[in-house]
Every structure is written in structure tokens, then in C-alpha cells.
PDB file of N, CA and C in Angstrom:
ATOM      1  N   MET A   1     127.068  88.192 115.361  1.00  0.00           N
ATOM      2  CA  MET A   1     127.267  89.118 113.370  1.00  0.00           C
ATOM      3  C   MET A   1     126.322  88.723 112.373  1.00  0.00           C
ATOM      4  N   ALA A   2     125.522  88.442 111.790  1.00  0.00           N
ATOM      5  CA  ALA A   2     124.786  88.225 110.588  1.00  0.00           C
ATOM      6  C   ALA A   2     126.300  87.656 109.749  1.00  0.00           C
ATOM      7  N   PRO A   3     125.970  86.491 109.246  1.00  0.00           N
ATOM      8  CA  PRO A   3     126.787  85.851 107.945  1.00  0.00           C
ATOM      9  C   PRO A   3     126.552  86.611 106.572  1.00  0.00           C
ATOM     10  N   ARG A   4     127.391  87.020 106.430  1.00  0.00           N
ATOM     11  CA  ARG A   4     127.204  87.615 104.883  1.00  0.00           C
ATOM     12  C   ARG A   4     126.675  87.411 103.592  1.00  0.00           C
ATOM     13  N   ASN A   5     126.979  85.897 103.565  1.00  0.00           N
ATOM     14  CA  ASN A   5     126.494  85.512 102.021  1.00  0.00           C
ATOM     15  C   ASN A   5     126.252  83.776 102.561  1.00  0.00           C
ATOM     16  N   LEU A   6     125.693  83.450 101.848  1.00  0.00           N
ATOM     17  CA  LEU A   6     124.868  82.052 101.666  1.00  0.00           C
ATOM     18  C   LEU A   6     126.546  80.982 102.404  1.00  0.00           C
ATOM     19  N   SER A   7     127.522  81.033 101.956  1.00  0.00           N
ATOM     20  CA  SER A   7     128.680  80.468 102.253  1.00  0.00           C
ATOM     21  C   SER A   7     128.844  80.004 103.790  1.00  0.00           C
ATOM     22  N   GLU A   8     128.891  81.848 103.982  1.00  0.00           N
ATOM     23  CA  GLU A   8     129.093  81.446 105.497  1.00  0.00           C
ATOM     24  C   GLU A   8     128.247  80.992 106.709  1.00  0.00           C
ATOM     25  N   LEU A   9     127.163  80.466 106.127  1.00  0.00           N
ATOM     26  CA  LEU A   9     125.961  79.869 107.369  1.00  0.00           C
ATOM     27  C   LEU A   9     126.568  78.906 108.096  1.00  0.00           C
ATOM     28  N   THR A  10     126.186  79.078 108.939  1.00  0.00           N
ATOM     29  CA  THR A  10     126.298  77.294 109.628  1.00  0.00           C
ATOM     30  C   THR A  10     125.368  76.120 110.178  1.00  0.00           C
ATOM     31  N   VAL A  11     125.299  75.322 110.124  1.00  0.00           N
ATOM     32  CA  VAL A  11     124.203  74.244 110.437  1.00  0.00           C
ATOM     33  C   VAL A  11     123.305  74.995 111.335  1.00  0.00           C
ATOM     34  N   GLU A  12     123.911  75.330 112.487  1.00  0.00           N
ATOM     35  CA  GLU A  12     122.606  75.927 113.316  1.00  0.00           C
ATOM     36  C   GLU A  12     122.132  77.465 112.301  1.00  0.00           C
ATOM     37  N   ASP A  13     122.714  77.687 111.748  1.00  0.00           N
ATOM     38  CA  ASP A  13     121.926  79.128 111.205  1.00  0.00           C
ATOM     39  C   ASP A  13     121.658  78.545 109.823  1.00  0.00           C
ATOM     40  N   LEU A  14     121.765  77.429 109.519  1.00  0.00           N
ATOM     41  CA  LEU A  14     120.618  77.132 108.403  1.00  0.00           C
ATOM     42  C   LEU A  14     119.130  76.804 109.034  1.00  0.00           C
ATOM     43  N   ALA A  15     119.650  75.662 110.786  1.00  0.00           N
ATOM     44  CA  ALA A  15     118.336  75.322 110.860  1.00  0.00           C
ATOM     45  C   ALA A  15     117.698  76.393 111.097  1.00  0.00           C
ATOM     46  N   LYS A  16     118.017  77.437 111.819  1.00  0.00           N
ATOM     47  CA  LYS A  16     116.979  78.641 112.253  1.00  0.00           C
ATOM     48  C   LYS A  16     116.425  79.358 110.879  1.00  0.00           C
ATOM     49  N   TYR A  17     117.063  79.001 109.516  1.00  0.00           N
ATOM     50  CA  TYR A  17     116.594  79.969 108.480  1.00  0.00           C
ATOM     51  C   TYR A  17     116.822  78.962 107.632  1.00  0.00           C
ATOM     52  N   ASP A  18     115.619  78.294 107.563  1.00  0.00           N
ATOM     53  CA  ASP A  18     115.405  77.109 106.313  1.00  0.00           C
ATOM     54  C   ASP A  18     114.524  77.509 105.328  1.00  0.00           C
ATOM     55  N   TRP A  19     114.323  78.744 105.360  1.00  0.00           N
ATOM     56  CA  TRP A  19     113.915  78.936 103.745  1.00  0.00           C
ATOM     57  C   TRP A  19     114.574  79.903 103.076  1.00  0.00           C
ATOM     58  N   ILE A  20     115.937  79.511 103.753  1.00  0.00           N
ATOM     59  CA  ILE A  20     116.856  80.199 102.670  1.00  0.00           C
ATOM     60  C   ILE A  20     117.763  78.580 101.943  1.00  0.00           C
ATOM     61  N   THR A  21     117.581  77.509 102.351  1.00  0.00           N
ATOM     62  CA  THR A  21     117.792  76.451 101.848  1.00  0.00           C
ATOM     63  C   THR A  21     116.528  76.031 100.860  1.00  0.00           C
ATOM     64  N   LEU A  22     115.179  76.318 101.504  1.00  0.00           N
ATOM     65  CA  LEU A  22     114.033  76.115 100.875  1.00  0.00           C
ATOM     66  C   LEU A  22     114.521  76.816  99.191  1.00  0.00           C
ATOM     67  N   ARG A  23     114.505  77.730  99.127  1.00  0.00           N
ATOM     68  CA  ARG A  23     114.353  78.521  98.459  1.00  0.00           C
ATOM     69  C   ARG A  23     116.116  78.516  96.992  1.00  0.00           C
ATOM     70  N   LYS A  24     116.751  77.960  97.976  1.00  0.00           N
ATOM     71  CA  LYS A  24     117.779  77.312  97.230  1.00  0.00           C
ATOM     72  C   LYS A  24     118.060  75.929  96.262  1.00  0.00           C
ATOM     73  N   ASP A  25     117.048  75.118  96.928  1.00  0.00           N
ATOM     74  CA  ASP A  25     116.571  73.701  96.288  1.00  0.00           C
ATOM     75  C   ASP A  25     115.745  73.913  95.451  1.00  0.00           C
ATOM     76  N   MET A  26     114.655  75.115  95.746  1.00  0.00           N
ATOM     77  CA  MET A  26     113.794  75.536  94.775  1.00  0.00           C
ATOM     78  C   MET A  26     114.157  76.069  93.466  1.00  0.00           C
ATOM     79  N   ASP A  27     115.639  77.148  93.896  1.00  0.00           N
ATOM     80  CA  ASP A  27     116.042  77.413  92.753  1.00  0.00           C
ATOM     81  C   ASP A  27     116.877  76.739  91.438  1.00  0.00           C
ATOM     82  N   GLU A  28     117.423  75.214  92.168  1.00  0.00           N
ATOM     83  CA  GLU A  28     117.357  74.025  91.779  1.00  0.00           C
ATOM     84  C   GLU A  28     116.754  73.692  90.754  1.00  0.00           C
ATOM     85  N   LEU A  29     115.764  73.350  91.497  1.00  0.00           N
ATOM     86  CA  LEU A  29     114.860  72.774  90.610  1.00  0.00           C
ATOM     87  C   LEU A  29     113.600  73.416  89.800  1.00  0.00           C
ATOM     88  N   LEU A  30     113.282  74.656  89.923  1.00  0.00           N
ATOM     89  CA  LEU A  30     112.904  75.778  89.054  1.00  0.00           C
ATOM     90  C   LEU A  30     113.783  77.044  89.149  1.00  0.00           C
ATOM     91  N   PRO A  31     114.298  77.398  88.148  1.00  0.00           N
ATOM     92  CA  PRO A  31     114.967  78.379  88.152  1.00  0.00           C
ATOM     93  C   PRO A  31     114.415  80.239  88.101  1.00  0.00           C
ATOM     94  N   THR A  32     114.489  80.922  89.073  1.00  0.00           N
ATOM     95  CA  THR A  32     113.587  82.080  88.727  1.00  0.00           C
ATOM     96  C   THR A  32     114.233  82.626  87.497  1.00  0.00           C
ATOM     97  N   GLU A  33     113.261  83.367  86.767  1.00  0.00           N
ATOM     98  CA  GLU A  33     113.433  84.045  85.164  1.00  0.00           C
ATOM     99  C   GLU A  33     113.585  85.495  85.773  1.00  0.00           C
ATOM    100  N   THR A  34     113.657  86.245  84.607  1.00  0.00           N
ATOM    101  CA  THR A  34     114.126  87.663  84.909  1.00  0.00           C
ATOM    102  C   THR A  34     112.697  88.410  83.848  1.00  0.00           C
ATOM    103  N   PHE A  35     112.407  89.416  83.916  1.00  0.00           N
ATOM    104  CA  PHE A  35     111.488  89.868  83.374  1.00  0.00           C
ATOM    105  C   PHE A  35     111.319  89.376  82.092  1.00  0.00           C
ATOM    106  N   ALA A  36     112.898  89.636  81.503  1.00  0.00           N
ATOM    107  CA  ALA A  36     112.886  89.264  79.854  1.00  0.00           C
ATOM    108  C   ALA A  36     112.447  88.322  79.055  1.00  0.00           C
ATOM    109  N   GLN A  37     113.207  87.342  80.360  1.00  0.00           N
ATOM    110  CA  GLN A  37     113.213  85.627  80.256  1.00  0.00           C
ATOM    111  C   GLN A  37     111.610  85.418  79.669  1.00  0.00           C
ATOM    112  N   LYS A  38     110.907  85.589  80.678  1.00  0.00           N
ATOM    113  CA  LYS A  38     109.485  85.408  80.847  1.00  0.00           C
ATOM    114  C   LYS A  38     108.875  86.022  80.014  1.00  0.00           C
ATOM    115  N   PHE A  39     109.363  87.134  79.449  1.00  0.00           N
ATOM    116  CA  PHE A  39     108.513  88.053  78.333  1.00  0.00           C
ATOM    117  C   PHE A  39     108.519  87.363  76.991  1.00  0.00           C
ATOM    118  N   VAL A  40     109.767  86.812  76.879  1.00  0.00           N
ATOM    119  CA  VAL A  40     110.066  85.933  75.511  1.00  0.00           C
ATOM    120  C   VAL A  40     109.756  85.193  75.573  1.00  0.00           C
ATOM    121  N   ARG A  41     109.454  83.971  76.630  1.00  0.00           N
ATOM    122  CA  ARG A  41     109.041  82.743  76.829  1.00  0.00           C
ATOM    123  C   ARG A  41     107.342  82.659  76.684  1.00  0.00           C
ATOM    124  N   LYS A  42     107.091  83.867  76.875  1.00  0.00           N
ATOM    125  CA  LYS A  42     105.583  84.104  76.797  1.00  0.00           C
ATOM    126  C   LYS A  42     104.896  84.157  75.612  1.00  0.00           C
ATOM    127  N   PHE A  43     105.775  84.964  75.109  1.00  0.00           N
ATOM    128  CA  PHE A  43     105.267  85.601  73.531  1.00  0.00           C
ATOM    129  C   PHE A  43     105.665  84.656  72.415  1.00  0.00           C
ATOM    130  N   LEU A  44     106.737  83.723  72.840  1.00  0.00           N
ATOM    131  CA  LEU A  44     106.789  82.546  71.879  1.00  0.00           C
ATOM    132  C   LEU A  44     105.295  81.470  71.992  1.00  0.00           C
ATOM    133  N   GLU A  45     104.872  81.673  73.519  1.00  0.00           N
ATOM    134  CA  GLU A  45     103.969  80.428  73.906  1.00  0.00           C
ATOM    135  C   GLU A  45     102.881  81.035  72.930  1.00  0.00           C
ATOM    136  N   ASN A  46     102.195  82.442  73.073  1.00  0.00           N
ATOM    137  CA  ASN A  46     101.228  82.794  72.106  1.00  0.00           C
ATOM    138  C   ASN A  46     101.569  84.318  71.911  1.00  0.00           C
ATOM    139  N   PRO A  47     102.308  84.431  70.462  1.00  0.00           N
ATOM    140  CA  PRO A  47     102.604  85.685  70.229  1.00  0.00           C
ATOM    141  C   PRO A  47     101.772  86.774  69.771  1.00  0.00           C
ATOM    142  N   PHE A  48      99.810  86.467  69.565  1.00  0.00           N
ATOM    143  CA  PHE A  48      98.998  87.340  69.073  1.00  0.00           C
ATOM    144  C   PHE A  48      98.870  88.189  70.384  1.00  0.00           C
ATOM    145  N   VAL A  49      98.776  87.760  71.765  1.00  0.00           N
ATOM    146  CA  VAL A  49      98.337  88.195  72.774  1.00  0.00           C
ATOM    147  C   VAL A  49      99.142  90.137  72.834  1.00  0.00           C
ATOM    148  N   PRO A  50     100.855  89.622  72.631  1.00  0.00           N
ATOM    149  CA  PRO A  50     101.476  91.170  72.740  1.00  0.00           C
ATOM    150  C   PRO A  50     101.193  91.742  71.661  1.00  0.00           C
ATOM    151  N   ILE A  51     100.959  91.413  70.377  1.00  0.00           N
ATOM    152  CA  ILE A  51     101.129  92.072  68.859  1.00  0.00           C
ATOM    153  C   ILE A  51      99.333  92.723  68.970  1.00  0.00           C
ATOM    154  N   GLY A  52      98.618  91.636  69.494  1.00  0.00           N
ATOM    155  CA  GLY A  52      97.512  92.776  70.040  1.00  0.00           C
ATOM    156  C   GLY A  52      97.208  94.282  70.826  1.00  0.00           C
ATOM    157  N   CYS A  53      98.286  93.803  72.343  1.00  0.00           N
ATOM    158  CA  CYS A  53      98.783  94.780  73.152  1.00  0.00           C
ATOM    159  C   CYS A  53      98.764  95.872  72.078  1.00  0.00           C
ATOM    160  N   LEU A  54     100.305  95.611  71.276  1.00  0.00           N
ATOM    161  CA  LEU A  54     100.776  96.529  70.411  1.00  0.00           C
ATOM    162  C   LEU A  54      99.569  97.616  69.454  1.00  0.00           C
ATOM    163  N   ALA A  55      98.453  96.339  68.628  1.00  0.00           N
ATOM    164  CA  ALA A  55      97.984  96.926  67.998  1.00  0.00           C
ATOM    165  C   ALA A  55      96.810  98.277  68.670  1.00  0.00           C
ATOM    166  N   THR A  56      96.347  97.632  69.623  1.00  0.00           N
ATOM    167  CA  THR A  56      95.575  98.489  70.779  1.00  0.00           C
ATOM    168  C   THR A  56      95.834  99.914  70.909  1.00  0.00           C
ATOM    169  N   ILE A  57      97.144  99.631  71.212  1.00  0.00           N
ATOM    170  CA  ILE A  57      98.104 101.078  72.148  1.00  0.00           C
ATOM    171  C   ILE A  57      98.603 101.813  70.496  1.00  0.00           C
ATOM    172  N   SER A  58      98.461 101.755  69.875  1.00  0.00           N
ATOM    173  CA  SER A  58      98.917 102.186  68.530  1.00  0.00           C
ATOM    174  C   SER A  58      97.831 103.099  67.739  1.00  0.00           C
ATOM    175  N   ALA A  59      96.049 102.167  67.962  1.00  0.00           N
ATOM    176  CA  ALA A  59      95.269 102.506  67.404  1.00  0.00           C
ATOM    177  C   ALA A  59      94.887 103.617  68.464  1.00  0.00           C
ATOM    178  N   LEU A  60      94.782 103.617  69.603  1.00  0.00           N
ATOM    179  CA  LEU A  60      94.841 104.623  70.592  1.00  0.00           C
ATOM    180  C   LEU A  60      95.488 105.811  70.588  1.00  0.00           C
ATOM    181  N   SER A  61      97.068 105.675  70.638  1.00  0.00           N
ATOM    182  CA  SER A  61      97.749 106.799  70.220  1.00  0.00           C
ATOM    183  C   SER A  61      97.693 107.631  69.215  1.00  0.00           C
ATOM    184  N   TYR A  62      96.874 107.210  68.148  1.00  0.00           N
ATOM    185  CA  TYR A  62      96.861 107.900  66.806  1.00  0.00           C
ATOM    186  C   TYR A  62      95.612 108.382  66.694  1.00  0.00           C
ATOM    187  N   GLY A  63      94.378 107.635  67.609  1.00  0.00           N
ATOM    188  CA  GLY A  63      93.425 108.094  67.754  1.00  0.00           C
ATOM    189  C   GLY A  63      93.014 109.485  67.955  1.00  0.00           C
ATOM    190  N   LEU A  64      93.960 108.810  69.730  1.00  0.00           N
ATOM    191  CA  LEU A  64      94.041 110.773  70.488  1.00  0.00           C
ATOM    192  C   LEU A  64      94.832 111.717  69.778  1.00  0.00           C
ATOM    193  N   TRP A  65      95.581 111.025  68.881  1.00  0.00           N
ATOM    194  CA  TRP A  65      96.613 112.262  68.167  1.00  0.00           C
ATOM    195  C   TRP A  65      95.388 113.223  66.835  1.00  0.00           C
ATOM    196  N   SER A  66      94.981 111.966  66.222  1.00  0.00           N
ATOM    197  CA  SER A  66      94.063 112.692  65.413  1.00  0.00           C
ATOM    198  C   SER A  66      93.077 113.853  65.746  1.00  0.00           C
ATOM    199  N   PHE A  67      92.350 113.078  67.099  1.00  0.00           N
ATOM    200  CA  PHE A  67      91.617 114.066  68.269  1.00  0.00           C
ATOM    201  C   PHE A  67      91.657 115.298  68.170  1.00  0.00           C
ATOM    202  N   ARG A  68      92.996 115.089  68.449  1.00  0.00           N
ATOM    203  CA  ARG A  68      94.060 116.785  69.211  1.00  0.00           C
ATOM    204  C   ARG A  68      94.241 117.631  67.961  1.00  0.00           C
ATOM    205  N   HIS A  69      94.372 116.987  66.902  1.00  0.00           N
ATOM    206  CA  HIS A  69      94.524 117.713  65.624  1.00  0.00           C
ATOM    207  C   HIS A  69      93.277 117.998  64.707  1.00  0.00           C
ATOM    208  N   GLY A  70      92.197 117.627  65.443  1.00  0.00           N
ATOM    209  CA  GLY A  70      90.776 118.294  64.511  1.00  0.00           C
ATOM    210  C   GLY A  70      90.399 117.346  63.426  1.00  0.00           C
ATOM    211  N   GLN A  71      90.781 115.931  63.616  1.00  0.00           N
ATOM    212  CA  GLN A  71      90.791 114.808  62.392  1.00  0.00           C
ATOM    213  C   GLN A  71      89.831 114.306  62.843  1.00  0.00           C
ATOM    214  N   LYS A  72      88.150 114.642  63.200  1.00  0.00           N
ATOM    215  CA  LYS A  72      87.335 113.679  63.651  1.00  0.00           C
ATOM    216  C   LYS A  72      87.144 112.192  63.471  1.00  0.00           C
ATOM    217  N   LYS A  73      86.860 112.297  61.748  1.00  0.00           N
ATOM    218  CA  LYS A  73      86.876 111.343  60.981  1.00  0.00           C
ATOM    219  C   LYS A  73      87.979 110.177  61.602  1.00  0.00           C
ATOM    220  N   MET A  74      89.039 110.528  61.423  1.00  0.00           N
ATOM    221  CA  MET A  74      89.715 109.579  61.437  1.00  0.00           C
ATOM    222  C   MET A  74      90.147 109.241  63.498  1.00  0.00           C
ATOM    223  N   SER A  75      90.008 110.096  63.590  1.00  0.00           N
ATOM    224  CA  SER A  75      90.005 109.742  65.455  1.00  0.00           C
ATOM    225  C   SER A  75      88.464 109.285  65.515  1.00  0.00           C
ATOM    226  N   GLN A  76      87.462 109.150  64.735  1.00  0.00           N
ATOM    227  CA  GLN A  76      86.388 108.399  65.631  1.00  0.00           C
ATOM    228  C   GLN A  76      86.632 106.603  64.803  1.00  0.00           C
ATOM    229  N   TYR A  77      87.448 106.488  63.382  1.00  0.00           N
ATOM    230  CA  TYR A  77      88.036 105.327  62.997  1.00  0.00           C
ATOM    231  C   TYR A  77      88.718 104.931  64.075  1.00  0.00           C
ATOM    232  N   MET A  78      89.891 105.181  64.347  1.00  0.00           N
ATOM    233  CA  MET A  78      90.585 104.570  64.911  1.00  0.00           C
ATOM    234  C   MET A  78      90.086 104.072  66.482  1.00  0.00           C
ATOM    235  N   MET A  79      89.197 105.206  66.714  1.00  0.00           N
ATOM    236  CA  MET A  79      88.851 104.397  68.621  1.00  0.00           C
ATOM    237  C   MET A  79      88.120 103.073  67.706  1.00  0.00           C
ATOM    238  N   ARG A  80      87.218 103.592  66.949  1.00  0.00           N
ATOM    239  CA  ARG A  80      86.728 101.377  66.573  1.00  0.00           C
ATOM    240  C   ARG A  80      87.848 100.958  66.391  1.00  0.00           C
ATOM    241  N   THR A  81      89.054 100.934  65.764  1.00  0.00           N
ATOM    242  CA  THR A  81      90.169 100.199  65.536  1.00  0.00           C
ATOM    243  C   THR A  81      90.164  99.575  66.809  1.00  0.00           C
ATOM    244  N   ARG A  82      90.726 100.259  67.789  1.00  0.00           N
ATOM    245  CA  ARG A  82      90.442 100.151  69.110  1.00  0.00           C
ATOM    246  C   ARG A  82      90.011  98.956  69.508  1.00  0.00           C
ATOM    247  N   VAL A  83      88.586  99.362  69.332  1.00  0.00           N
ATOM    248  CA  VAL A  83      87.790  98.009  70.216  1.00  0.00           C
ATOM    249  C   VAL A  83      87.687  96.942  69.613  1.00  0.00           C
ATOM    250  N   VAL A  84      88.238  96.906  67.956  1.00  0.00           N
ATOM    251  CA  VAL A  84      88.755  95.595  67.420  1.00  0.00           C
ATOM    252  C   VAL A  84      89.678  94.742  67.852  1.00  0.00           C
ATOM    253  N   ALA A  85      90.646  95.802  67.694  1.00  0.00           N
ATOM    254  CA  ALA A  85      91.741  95.532  68.434  1.00  0.00           C
ATOM    255  C   ALA A  85      92.004  94.374  69.763  1.00  0.00           C
ATOM    256  N   GLN A  86      91.209  95.245  70.598  1.00  0.00           N
ATOM    257  CA  GLN A  86      90.817  94.746  72.229  1.00  0.00           C
ATOM    258  C   GLN A  86      90.438  94.022  72.707  1.00  0.00           C
ATOM    259  N   GLY A  87      89.361  93.742  71.113  1.00  0.00           N
ATOM    260  CA  GLY A  87      88.755  92.291  71.509  1.00  0.00           C
ATOM    261  C   GLY A  87      89.416  91.323  70.530  1.00  0.00           C
ATOM    262  N   LEU A  88      89.947  91.018  69.547  1.00  0.00           N
ATOM    263  CA  LEU A  88      90.724  90.592  69.280  1.00  0.00           C
ATOM    264  C   LEU A  88      92.268  90.175  70.028  1.00  0.00           C
ATOM    265  N   THR A  89      92.481  90.964  71.011  1.00  0.00           N
ATOM    266  CA  THR A  89      93.431  90.457  71.651  1.00  0.00           C
ATOM    267  C   THR A  89      93.090  89.736  73.242  1.00  0.00           C
ATOM    268  N   VAL A  90      91.934  90.157  73.618  1.00  0.00           N
ATOM    269  CA  VAL A  90      91.251  89.547  74.445  1.00  0.00           C
ATOM    270  C   VAL A  90      90.679  87.859  73.784  1.00  0.00           C
ATOM    271  N   MET A  91      90.178  87.329  72.643  1.00  0.00           N
ATOM    272  CA  MET A  91      90.310  86.319  72.089  1.00  0.00           C
ATOM    273  C   MET A  91      91.902  85.628  71.944  1.00  0.00           C
ATOM    274  N   ALA A  92      92.776  86.339  71.570  1.00  0.00           N
ATOM    275  CA  ALA A  92      93.846  85.606  72.071  1.00  0.00           C
ATOM    276  C   ALA A  92      94.242  84.878  73.194  1.00  0.00           C
ATOM    277  N   MET A  93      93.982  85.769  73.941  1.00  0.00           N
ATOM    278  CA  MET A  93      94.075  85.382  75.296  1.00  0.00           C
ATOM    279  C   MET A  93      93.476  84.287  76.117  1.00  0.00           C
ATOM    280  N   VAL A  94      92.420  84.107  75.314  1.00  0.00           N
ATOM    281  CA  VAL A  94      91.477  83.198  75.872  1.00  0.00           C
ATOM    282  C   VAL A  94      91.778  81.924  75.197  1.00  0.00           C
ATOM    283  N   ALA A  95      92.034  81.969  73.767  1.00  0.00           N
ATOM    284  CA  ALA A  95      93.098  80.766  72.809  1.00  0.00           C
ATOM    285  C   ALA A  95      93.870  80.529  73.585  1.00  0.00           C
ATOM    286  N   GLY A  96      94.960  81.167  73.893  1.00  0.00           N
ATOM    287  CA  GLY A  96      95.879  80.753  74.824  1.00  0.00           C
ATOM    288  C   GLY A  96      95.928  80.451  75.888  1.00  0.00           C
ATOM    289  N   ILE A  97      94.757  80.452  76.708  1.00  0.00           N
ATOM    290  CA  ILE A  97      94.482  79.767  78.404  1.00  0.00           C
ATOM    291  C   ILE A  97      93.930  78.219  77.770  1.00  0.00           C
ATOM    292  N   SER A  98      92.854  78.339  76.739  1.00  0.00           N
ATOM    293  CA  SER A  98      92.960  77.106  76.639  1.00  0.00           C
ATOM    294  C   SER A  98      93.395  76.105  76.378  1.00  0.00           C
ATOM    295  N   MET A  99      95.078  76.616  75.480  1.00  0.00           N
ATOM    296  CA  MET A  99      95.362  75.893  74.372  1.00  0.00           C
ATOM    297  C   MET A  99      96.603  75.106  75.858  1.00  0.00           C
ATOM    298  N   GLY A 100      96.677  76.159  76.783  1.00  0.00           N
ATOM    299  CA  GLY A 100      97.388  75.592  77.925  1.00  0.00           C
ATOM    300  C   GLY A 100      96.920  74.754  78.710  1.00  0.00           C
ATOM    301  N   ALA A 101      95.964  74.912  78.545  1.00  0.00           N
ATOM    302  CA  ALA A 101      94.697  73.857  79.598  1.00  0.00           C
ATOM    303  C   ALA A 101      94.581  72.430  79.042  1.00  0.00           C
ATOM    304  N   GLN A 102      94.764  72.769  77.948  1.00  0.00           N
ATOM    305  CA  GLN A 102      95.057  71.342  76.963  1.00  0.00           C
ATOM    306  C   GLN A 102      95.929  70.389  76.936  1.00  0.00           C
ATOM    307  N   LYS A 103      96.923  71.269  76.711  1.00  0.00           N
ATOM    308  CA  LYS A 103      98.329  70.865  77.276  1.00  0.00           C
ATOM    309  C   LYS A 103      98.404  70.305  78.507  1.00  0.00           C
ATOM    310  N   VAL A 104      98.208  71.107  79.602  1.00  0.00           N
ATOM    311  CA  VAL A 104      97.793  70.333  80.788  1.00  0.00           C
ATOM    312  C   VAL A 104      97.179  68.890  81.206  1.00  0.00           C
ATOM    313  N   THR A 105      95.956  68.828  80.230  1.00  0.00           N
ATOM    314  CA  THR A 105      95.093  67.662  80.656  1.00  0.00           C
ATOM    315  C   THR A 105      95.844  66.669  79.385  1.00  0.00           C
ATOM    316  N   LYS A 106      96.739  67.027  78.803  1.00  0.00           N
ATOM    317  CA  LYS A 106      96.840  65.700  78.139  1.00  0.00           C
ATOM    318  C   LYS A 106      98.412  65.076  78.524  1.00  0.00           C
ATOM    319  N   LYS A 107      98.909  66.111  79.339  1.00  0.00           N
ATOM    320  CA  LYS A 107     100.161  65.360  80.161  1.00  0.00           C
ATOM    321  C   LYS A 107      99.698  64.681  81.223  1.00  0.00           C
TER     322      LYS A 107
END
């Protein structure tokens, strides 16, 4: 019968399942992050990327809404705004990557 939790494992079981001890050791060194924790950490590192994504989605949504309601001029304007927002988001991503690379090289 297989043990139900980590504390029930014997030395023989740990030898057979060495990946369990490896995972336990790695979690002590580098704890795993939840999605929310990772999002907050990444947002604090480079807040312009999520803001740019939100601006892109907003421009796209309003542009599609305008198109559906027959406001062709506003729809065209919002699609152009979306392209600009996408470009700025990509630039923010590139800037964030380069700043992260500079931090790594300074260490």
C-alpha cells in the first residue's frame, strides 16, 4: 500500500522516490509562486506591460462595439489606437527584458 503523505514515507520509499525529496529541497530554497503572486511580482517589476495590455483590450473592445453600432469613424480611430497601444506594449516588454538583463549582468 502506498503512503498517503510525505511524513509516512520510509527511507526505502524516499530512495525509490528521490524526486520527492528533490522537490521538497527546491521548495525550501525557491518556494513556488501562485498565479496571483507571480502577477503581482511581474506587475511591480514592469507595470507598463499589463497597463498596455489593458489599453489594447479596451481600444479593441470599444472599436468593435463602435463598428457594431455603425460608428465607422470612431471604430477606425479605435483600431488605430489599438495598434499604437500594442506597439507601446511591445516596447515596454523589450525595455523590461533589457532592464532585467542589465540587472543580471551587474550581479
